[in-house]
Amino acid sequence: QLEEMRNNPRDWRIEQLQTVARQFGMMVRCAGGSHHVFSHEVVTDIVSIPARRPIKPVYVRKFVALVDKIKESQA
């Protein structure tokens, strides 16, 4: 799914991002219900994504960039 997100950042749901986040050991917080906050202990960055659908491509790109940083730090 990560490569699919990278190639086409449109039409993703928050549940799909959560699935990818779990695969990489990310923490997910629901901040007040309107946003989901993704983070990981090995990087200082966090990504906050509005929970409404559809998720705008800019947020999907930020999420993919965060996953890439996590992968780099674990390599």
PDB file of N, CA and C in Angstrom:
ATOM      1  N   GLN A   1       0.807  -1.207   0.000  1.00  0.00           N
ATOM      2  CA  GLN A   1       0.000   0.000   0.000  1.00  0.00           C
ATOM      3  C   GLN A   1       0.846   1.266   0.000  1.00  0.00           C
ATOM      4  N   LEU A   2       2.003   1.211   0.646  1.00  0.00           N
ATOM      5  CA  LEU A   2       2.852   2.404   0.720  1.00  0.00           C
ATOM      6  C   LEU A   2       3.262   2.867  -0.674  1.00  0.00           C
ATOM      7  N   GLU A   3       3.676   1.940  -1.532  1.00  0.00           N
ATOM      8  CA  GLU A   3       4.083   2.316  -2.887  1.00  0.00           C
ATOM      9  C   GLU A   3       2.901   2.861  -3.681  1.00  0.00           C
ATOM     10  N   GLU A   4       1.732   2.286  -3.447  1.00  0.00           N
ATOM     11  CA  GLU A   4       0.530   2.793  -4.117  1.00  0.00           C
ATOM     12  C   GLU A   4       0.247   4.232  -3.680  1.00  0.00           C
ATOM     13  N   MET A   5       0.427   4.511  -2.393  1.00  0.00           N
ATOM     14  CA  MET A   5       0.230   5.871  -1.880  1.00  0.00           C
ATOM     15  C   MET A   5       1.246   6.829  -2.499  1.00  0.00           C
ATOM     16  N   ARG A   6       2.476   6.348  -2.631  1.00  0.00           N
ATOM     17  CA  ARG A   6       3.530   7.180  -3.198  1.00  0.00           C
ATOM     18  C   ARG A   6       3.206   7.520  -4.668  1.00  0.00           C
ATOM     19  N   ASN A   7       2.719   6.527  -5.409  1.00  0.00           N
ATOM     20  CA  ASN A   7       2.436   6.713  -6.837  1.00  0.00           C
ATOM     21  C   ASN A   7       1.138   7.462  -7.098  1.00  0.00           C
ATOM     22  N   ASN A   8       0.161   7.307  -6.215  1.00  0.00           N
ATOM     23  CA  ASN A   8      -1.125   7.969  -6.398  1.00  0.00           C
ATOM     24  C   ASN A   8      -1.653   8.413  -5.035  1.00  0.00           C
ATOM     25  N   PRO A   9      -1.358   9.658  -4.627  1.00  0.00           N
ATOM     26  CA  PRO A   9      -1.753  10.111  -3.289  1.00  0.00           C
ATOM     27  C   PRO A   9      -3.222  10.525  -3.170  1.00  0.00           C
ATOM     28  N   ARG A  10      -4.050  10.134  -4.102  1.00  0.00           N
ATOM     29  CA  ARG A  10      -5.471  10.503  -4.068  1.00  0.00           C
ATOM     30  C   ARG A  10      -6.342   9.345  -3.594  1.00  0.00           C
ATOM     31  N   ASP A  11      -7.470   9.704  -2.997  1.00  0.00           N
ATOM     32  CA  ASP A  11      -8.533   8.746  -2.650  1.00  0.00           C
ATOM     33  C   ASP A  11      -8.132   7.701  -1.606  1.00  0.00           C
ATOM     34  N   TRP A  12      -7.439   8.123  -0.568  1.00  0.00           N
ATOM     35  CA  TRP A  12      -7.100   7.214   0.532  1.00  0.00           C
ATOM     36  C   TRP A  12      -7.972   7.543   1.735  1.00  0.00           C
ATOM     37  N   ARG A  13      -8.248   6.510   2.530  1.00  0.00           N
ATOM     38  CA  ARG A  13      -9.030   6.688   3.754  1.00  0.00           C
ATOM     39  C   ARG A  13      -8.099   6.595   4.962  1.00  0.00           C
ATOM     40  N   ILE A  14      -8.541   7.195   6.053  1.00  0.00           N
ATOM     41  CA  ILE A  14      -7.712   7.223   7.269  1.00  0.00           C
ATOM     42  C   ILE A  14      -7.426   5.802   7.765  1.00  0.00           C
ATOM     43  N   GLU A  15      -8.371   4.887   7.570  1.00  0.00           N
ATOM     44  CA  GLU A  15      -8.161   3.493   7.997  1.00  0.00           C
ATOM     45  C   GLU A  15      -6.989   2.861   7.255  1.00  0.00           C
ATOM     46  N   GLN A  16      -6.836   3.212   5.993  1.00  0.00           N
ATOM     47  CA  GLN A  16      -5.725   2.659   5.212  1.00  0.00           C
ATOM     48  C   GLN A  16      -4.387   3.214   5.704  1.00  0.00           C
ATOM     49  N   LEU A  17      -4.359   4.486   6.056  1.00  0.00           N
ATOM     50  CA  LEU A  17      -3.136   5.060   6.611  1.00  0.00           C
ATOM     51  C   LEU A  17      -2.801   4.420   7.951  1.00  0.00           C
ATOM     52  N   GLN A  18      -3.825   4.145   8.747  1.00  0.00           N
ATOM     53  CA  GLN A  18      -3.595   3.499  10.039  1.00  0.00           C
ATOM     54  C   GLN A  18      -3.003   2.102   9.859  1.00  0.00           C
ATOM     55  N   THR A  19      -3.452   1.377   8.851  1.00  0.00           N
ATOM     56  CA  THR A  19      -2.920   0.042   8.571  1.00  0.00           C
ATOM     57  C   THR A  19      -1.436   0.116   8.243  1.00  0.00           C
ATOM     58  N   VAL A  20      -1.060   1.040   7.373  1.00  0.00           N
ATOM     59  CA  VAL A  20       0.352   1.216   7.024  1.00  0.00           C
ATOM     60  C   VAL A  20       1.141   1.651   8.259  1.00  0.00           C
ATOM     61  N   ALA A  21       0.580   2.549   9.046  1.00  0.00           N
ATOM     62  CA  ALA A  21       1.259   3.032  10.258  1.00  0.00           C
ATOM     63  C   ALA A  21       1.578   1.871  11.201  1.00  0.00           C
ATOM     64  N   ARG A  22       0.629   0.967  11.373  1.00  0.00           N
ATOM     65  CA  ARG A  22       0.863  -0.197  12.250  1.00  0.00           C
ATOM     66  C   ARG A  22       1.996  -1.068  11.720  1.00  0.00           C
ATOM     67  N   GLN A  23       2.094  -1.214  10.411  1.00  0.00           N
ATOM     68  CA  GLN A  23       3.148  -2.040   9.817  1.00  0.00           C
ATOM     69  C   GLN A  23       4.540  -1.495  10.145  1.00  0.00           C
ATOM     70  N   PHE A  24       4.633  -0.192  10.358  1.00  0.00           N
ATOM     71  CA  PHE A  24       5.926   0.431  10.645  1.00  0.00           C
ATOM     72  C   PHE A  24       6.076   0.818  12.110  1.00  0.00           C
ATOM     73  N   GLY A  25       5.179   0.352  12.960  1.00  0.00           N
ATOM     74  CA  GLY A  25       5.295   0.591  14.395  1.00  0.00           C
ATOM     75  C   GLY A  25       5.018   2.017  14.813  1.00  0.00           C
ATOM     76  N   MET A  26       4.238   2.728  14.021  1.00  0.00           N
ATOM     77  CA  MET A  26       3.925   4.117  14.344  1.00  0.00           C
ATOM     78  C   MET A  26       2.828   4.200  15.389  1.00  0.00           C
ATOM     79  N   MET A  27       2.838   5.307  16.121  1.00  0.00           N
ATOM     80  CA  MET A  27       1.780   5.572  17.087  1.00  0.00           C
ATOM     81  C   MET A  27       0.742   6.470  16.419  1.00  0.00           C
ATOM     82  N   VAL A  28      -0.523   6.206  16.706  1.00  0.00           N
ATOM     83  CA  VAL A  28      -1.604   6.998  16.123  1.00  0.00           C
ATOM     84  C   VAL A  28      -2.451   7.538  17.261  1.00  0.00           C
ATOM     85  N   ARG A  29      -2.620   8.853  17.285  1.00  0.00           N
ATOM     86  CA  ARG A  29      -3.483   9.495  18.272  1.00  0.00           C
ATOM     87  C   ARG A  29      -4.627  10.171  17.540  1.00  0.00           C
ATOM     88  N   CYS A  30      -5.793  10.105  18.116  1.00  0.00           N
ATOM     89  CA  CYS A  30      -6.931  10.843  17.579  1.00  0.00           C
ATOM     90  C   CYS A  30      -7.076  12.098  18.425  1.00  0.00           C
ATOM     91  N   ALA A  31      -6.591  13.215  17.896  1.00  0.00           N
ATOM     92  CA  ALA A  31      -6.583  14.466  18.646  1.00  0.00           C
ATOM     93  C   ALA A  31      -7.941  15.152  18.533  1.00  0.00           C
ATOM     94  N   GLY A  32      -8.779  14.944  19.501  1.00  0.00           N
ATOM     95  CA  GLY A  32     -10.080  15.603  19.509  1.00  0.00           C
ATOM     96  C   GLY A  32     -11.053  15.089  18.472  1.00  0.00           C
ATOM     97  N   GLY A  33     -10.685  14.011  17.806  1.00  0.00           N
ATOM     98  CA  GLY A  33     -11.596  13.410  16.847  1.00  0.00           C
ATOM     99  C   GLY A  33     -11.537  13.985  15.449  1.00  0.00           C
ATOM    100  N   SER A  34     -11.021  15.217  15.296  1.00  0.00           N
ATOM    101  CA  SER A  34     -11.012  15.820  13.965  1.00  0.00           C
ATOM    102  C   SER A  34      -9.724  15.527  13.195  1.00  0.00           C
ATOM    103  N   HIS A  35      -8.665  15.164  13.900  1.00  0.00           N
ATOM    104  CA  HIS A  35      -7.387  14.859  13.269  1.00  0.00           C
ATOM    105  C   HIS A  35      -6.807  13.571  13.848  1.00  0.00           C
ATOM    106  N   HIS A  36      -6.020  12.892  13.036  1.00  0.00           N
ATOM    107  CA  HIS A  36      -5.232  11.758  13.507  1.00  0.00           C
ATOM    108  C   HIS A  36      -3.775  12.190  13.449  1.00  0.00           C
ATOM    109  N   VAL A  37      -3.037  11.925  14.521  1.00  0.00           N
ATOM    110  CA  VAL A  37      -1.640  12.339  14.611  1.00  0.00           C
ATOM    111  C   VAL A  37      -0.769  11.087  14.577  1.00  0.00           C
ATOM    112  N   PHE A  38       0.123  11.040  13.584  1.00  0.00           N
ATOM    113  CA  PHE A  38       1.015   9.897  13.397  1.00  0.00           C
ATOM    114  C   PHE A  38       2.413  10.282  13.848  1.00  0.00           C
ATOM    115  N   SER A  39       3.051   9.392  14.618  1.00  0.00           N
ATOM    116  CA  SER A  39       4.413   9.654  15.090  1.00  0.00           C
ATOM    117  C   SER A  39       5.134   8.324  15.299  1.00  0.00           C
ATOM    118  N   HIS A  40       6.435   8.428  15.542  1.00  0.00           N
ATOM    119  CA  HIS A  40       7.253   7.231  15.800  1.00  0.00           C
ATOM    120  C   HIS A  40       8.394   7.640  16.714  1.00  0.00           C
ATOM    121  N   GLU A  41       8.816   6.725  17.563  1.00  0.00           N
ATOM    122  CA  GLU A  41       9.843   7.059  18.562  1.00  0.00           C
ATOM    123  C   GLU A  41      11.211   7.342  17.958  1.00  0.00           C
ATOM    124  N   VAL A  42      11.499   6.873  16.736  1.00  0.00           N
ATOM    125  CA  VAL A  42      12.838   7.063  16.175  1.00  0.00           C
ATOM    126  C   VAL A  42      12.991   8.360  15.382  1.00  0.00           C
ATOM    127  N   VAL A  43      11.882   9.069  15.140  1.00  0.00           N
ATOM    128  CA  VAL A  43      11.975  10.360  14.435  1.00  0.00           C
ATOM    129  C   VAL A  43      11.229  11.420  15.242  1.00  0.00           C
ATOM    130  N   THR A  44      11.655  12.663  15.089  1.00  0.00           N
ATOM    131  CA  THR A  44      11.015  13.741  15.847  1.00  0.00           C
ATOM    132  C   THR A  44       9.783  14.299  15.143  1.00  0.00           C
ATOM    133  N   ASP A  45       9.649  14.010  13.865  1.00  0.00           N
ATOM    134  CA  ASP A  45       8.532  14.551  13.088  1.00  0.00           C
ATOM    135  C   ASP A  45       7.207  13.909  13.501  1.00  0.00           C
ATOM    136  N   ILE A  46       6.146  14.687  13.367  1.00  0.00           N
ATOM    137  CA  ILE A  46       4.793  14.144  13.498  1.00  0.00           C
ATOM    138  C   ILE A  46       3.991  14.637  12.296  1.00  0.00           C
ATOM    139  N   VAL A  47       2.977  13.886  11.938  1.00  0.00           N
ATOM    140  CA  VAL A  47       2.092  14.285  10.848  1.00  0.00           C
ATOM    141  C   VAL A  47       0.673  14.250  11.378  1.00  0.00           C
ATOM    142  N   SER A  48      -0.015  15.391  11.244  1.00  0.00           N
ATOM    143  CA  SER A  48      -1.405  15.501  11.674  1.00  0.00           C
ATOM    144  C   SER A  48      -2.281  15.536  10.423  1.00  0.00           C
ATOM    145  N   ILE A  49      -3.249  14.622  10.360  1.00  0.00           N
ATOM    146  CA  ILE A  49      -4.080  14.484   9.161  1.00  0.00           C
ATOM    147  C   ILE A  49      -5.547  14.633   9.538  1.00  0.00           C
ATOM    148  N   PRO A  50      -6.263  15.526   8.852  1.00  0.00           N
ATOM    149  CA  PRO A  50      -7.705  15.643   9.111  1.00  0.00           C
ATOM    150  C   PRO A  50      -8.408  14.324   8.831  1.00  0.00           C
ATOM    151  N   ALA A  51      -9.322  13.944   9.696  1.00  0.00           N
ATOM    152  CA  ALA A  51      -9.964  12.641   9.588  1.00  0.00           C
ATOM    153  C   ALA A  51     -11.066  12.603   8.534  1.00  0.00           C
ATOM    154  N   ARG A  52     -11.476  13.768   8.023  1.00  0.00           N
ATOM    155  CA  ARG A  52     -12.570  13.739   7.056  1.00  0.00           C
ATOM    156  C   ARG A  52     -12.089  13.189   5.709  1.00  0.00           C
ATOM    157  N   ARG A  53     -13.065  12.665   4.946  1.00  0.00           N
ATOM    158  CA  ARG A  53     -12.722  12.077   3.655  1.00  0.00           C
ATOM    159  C   ARG A  53     -13.110  13.009   2.532  1.00  0.00           C
ATOM    160  N   PRO A  54     -12.483  12.936   1.386  1.00  0.00           N
ATOM    161  CA  PRO A  54     -11.237  12.182   1.167  1.00  0.00           C
ATOM    162  C   PRO A  54     -10.041  12.951   1.734  1.00  0.00           C
ATOM    163  N   ILE A  55      -8.980  12.226   2.012  1.00  0.00           N
ATOM    164  CA  ILE A  55      -7.764  12.857   2.522  1.00  0.00           C
ATOM    165  C   ILE A  55      -7.071  13.540   1.345  1.00  0.00           C
ATOM    166  N   LYS A  56      -6.719  14.790   1.521  1.00  0.00           N
ATOM    167  CA  LYS A  56      -6.067  15.532   0.438  1.00  0.00           C
ATOM    168  C   LYS A  56      -4.677  14.951   0.165  1.00  0.00           C
ATOM    169  N   PRO A  57      -4.275  14.957  -1.116  1.00  0.00           N
ATOM    170  CA  PRO A  57      -2.971  14.374  -1.487  1.00  0.00           C
ATOM    171  C   PRO A  57      -1.785  14.951  -0.715  1.00  0.00           C
ATOM    172  N   VAL A  58      -1.826  16.227  -0.343  1.00  0.00           N
ATOM    173  CA  VAL A  58      -0.709  16.822   0.393  1.00  0.00           C
ATOM    174  C   VAL A  58      -0.469  16.084   1.711  1.00  0.00           C
ATOM    175  N   TYR A  59      -1.538  15.644   2.379  1.00  0.00           N
ATOM    176  CA  TYR A  59      -1.387  14.916   3.642  1.00  0.00           C
ATOM    177  C   TYR A  59      -0.855  13.507   3.415  1.00  0.00           C
ATOM    178  N   VAL A  60      -1.283  12.883   2.336  1.00  0.00           N
ATOM    179  CA  VAL A  60      -0.776  11.537   2.023  1.00  0.00           C
ATOM    180  C   VAL A  60       0.719  11.614   1.731  1.00  0.00           C
ATOM    181  N   ARG A  61       1.146  12.650   1.007  1.00  0.00           N
ATOM    182  CA  ARG A  61       2.578  12.813   0.719  1.00  0.00           C
ATOM    183  C   ARG A  61       3.382  13.018   2.009  1.00  0.00           C
ATOM    184  N   LYS A  62       2.845  13.800   2.939  1.00  0.00           N
ATOM    185  CA  LYS A  62       3.528  14.011   4.227  1.00  0.00           C
ATOM    186  C   LYS A  62       3.631  12.705   5.002  1.00  0.00           C
ATOM    187  N   PHE A  63       2.561  11.905   4.956  1.00  0.00           N
ATOM    188  CA  PHE A  63       2.554  10.613   5.642  1.00  0.00           C
ATOM    189  C   PHE A  63       3.625   9.689   5.044  1.00  0.00           C
ATOM    190  N   VAL A  64       3.691   9.622   3.715  1.00  0.00           N
ATOM    191  CA  VAL A  64       4.685   8.776   3.038  1.00  0.00           C
ATOM    192  C   VAL A  64       6.096   9.248   3.382  1.00  0.00           C
ATOM    193  N   ALA A  65       6.308  10.557   3.439  1.00  0.00           N
ATOM    194  CA  ALA A  65       7.627  11.099   3.796  1.00  0.00           C
ATOM    195  C   ALA A  65       8.009  10.696   5.222  1.00  0.00           C
ATOM    196  N   LEU A  66       7.042  10.686   6.122  1.00  0.00           N
ATOM    197  CA  LEU A  66       7.313  10.268   7.501  1.00  0.00           C
ATOM    198  C   LEU A  66       7.710   8.793   7.541  1.00  0.00           C
ATOM    199  N   VAL A  67       6.995   7.956   6.802  1.00  0.00           N
ATOM    200  CA  VAL A  67       7.340   6.526   6.743  1.00  0.00           C
ATOM    201  C   VAL A  67       8.752   6.352   6.182  1.00  0.00           C
ATOM    202  N   ASP A  68       9.098   7.123   5.148  1.00  0.00           N
ATOM    203  CA  ASP A  68      10.442   7.044   4.580  1.00  0.00           C
ATOM    204  C   ASP A  68      11.508   7.403   5.608  1.00  0.00           C
ATOM    205  N   LYS A  69      11.267   8.430   6.413  1.00  0.00           N
ATOM    206  CA  LYS A  69      12.221   8.805   7.463  1.00  0.00           C
ATOM    207  C   LYS A  69      12.394   7.686   8.480  1.00  0.00           C
ATOM    208  N   ILE A  70      11.286   7.050   8.829  1.00  0.00           N
ATOM    209  CA  ILE A  70      11.330   5.940   9.784  1.00  0.00           C
ATOM    210  C   ILE A  70      12.165   4.797   9.202  1.00  0.00           C
ATOM    211  N   LYS A  71      11.918   4.474   7.941  1.00  0.00           N
ATOM    212  CA  LYS A  71      12.670   3.393   7.288  1.00  0.00           C
ATOM    213  C   LYS A  71      14.155   3.716   7.240  1.00  0.00           C
ATOM    214  N   GLU A  72      14.509   4.972   6.934  1.00  0.00           N
ATOM    215  CA  GLU A  72      15.914   5.387   6.884  1.00  0.00           C
ATOM    216  C   GLU A  72      16.596   5.251   8.234  1.00  0.00           C
ATOM    217  N   SER A  73      15.888   5.662   9.285  1.00  0.00           N
ATOM    218  CA  SER A  73      16.494   5.644  10.613  1.00  0.00           C
ATOM    219  C   SER A  73      16.670   4.225  11.142  1.00  0.00           C
ATOM    220  N   GLN A  74      15.892   3.299  10.615  1.00  0.00           N
ATOM    221  CA  GLN A  74      15.990   1.909  11.074  1.00  0.00           C
ATOM    222  C   GLN A  74      16.960   1.099  10.227  1.00  0.00           C
ATOM    223  N   ALA A  75      17.407   1.656   9.128  1.00  0.00           N
ATOM    224  CA  ALA A  75      18.311   0.922   8.216  1.00  0.00           C
ATOM    225  C   ALA A  75      19.725   0.873   8.751  1.00  0.00           C
TER     226      ALA A  75
END
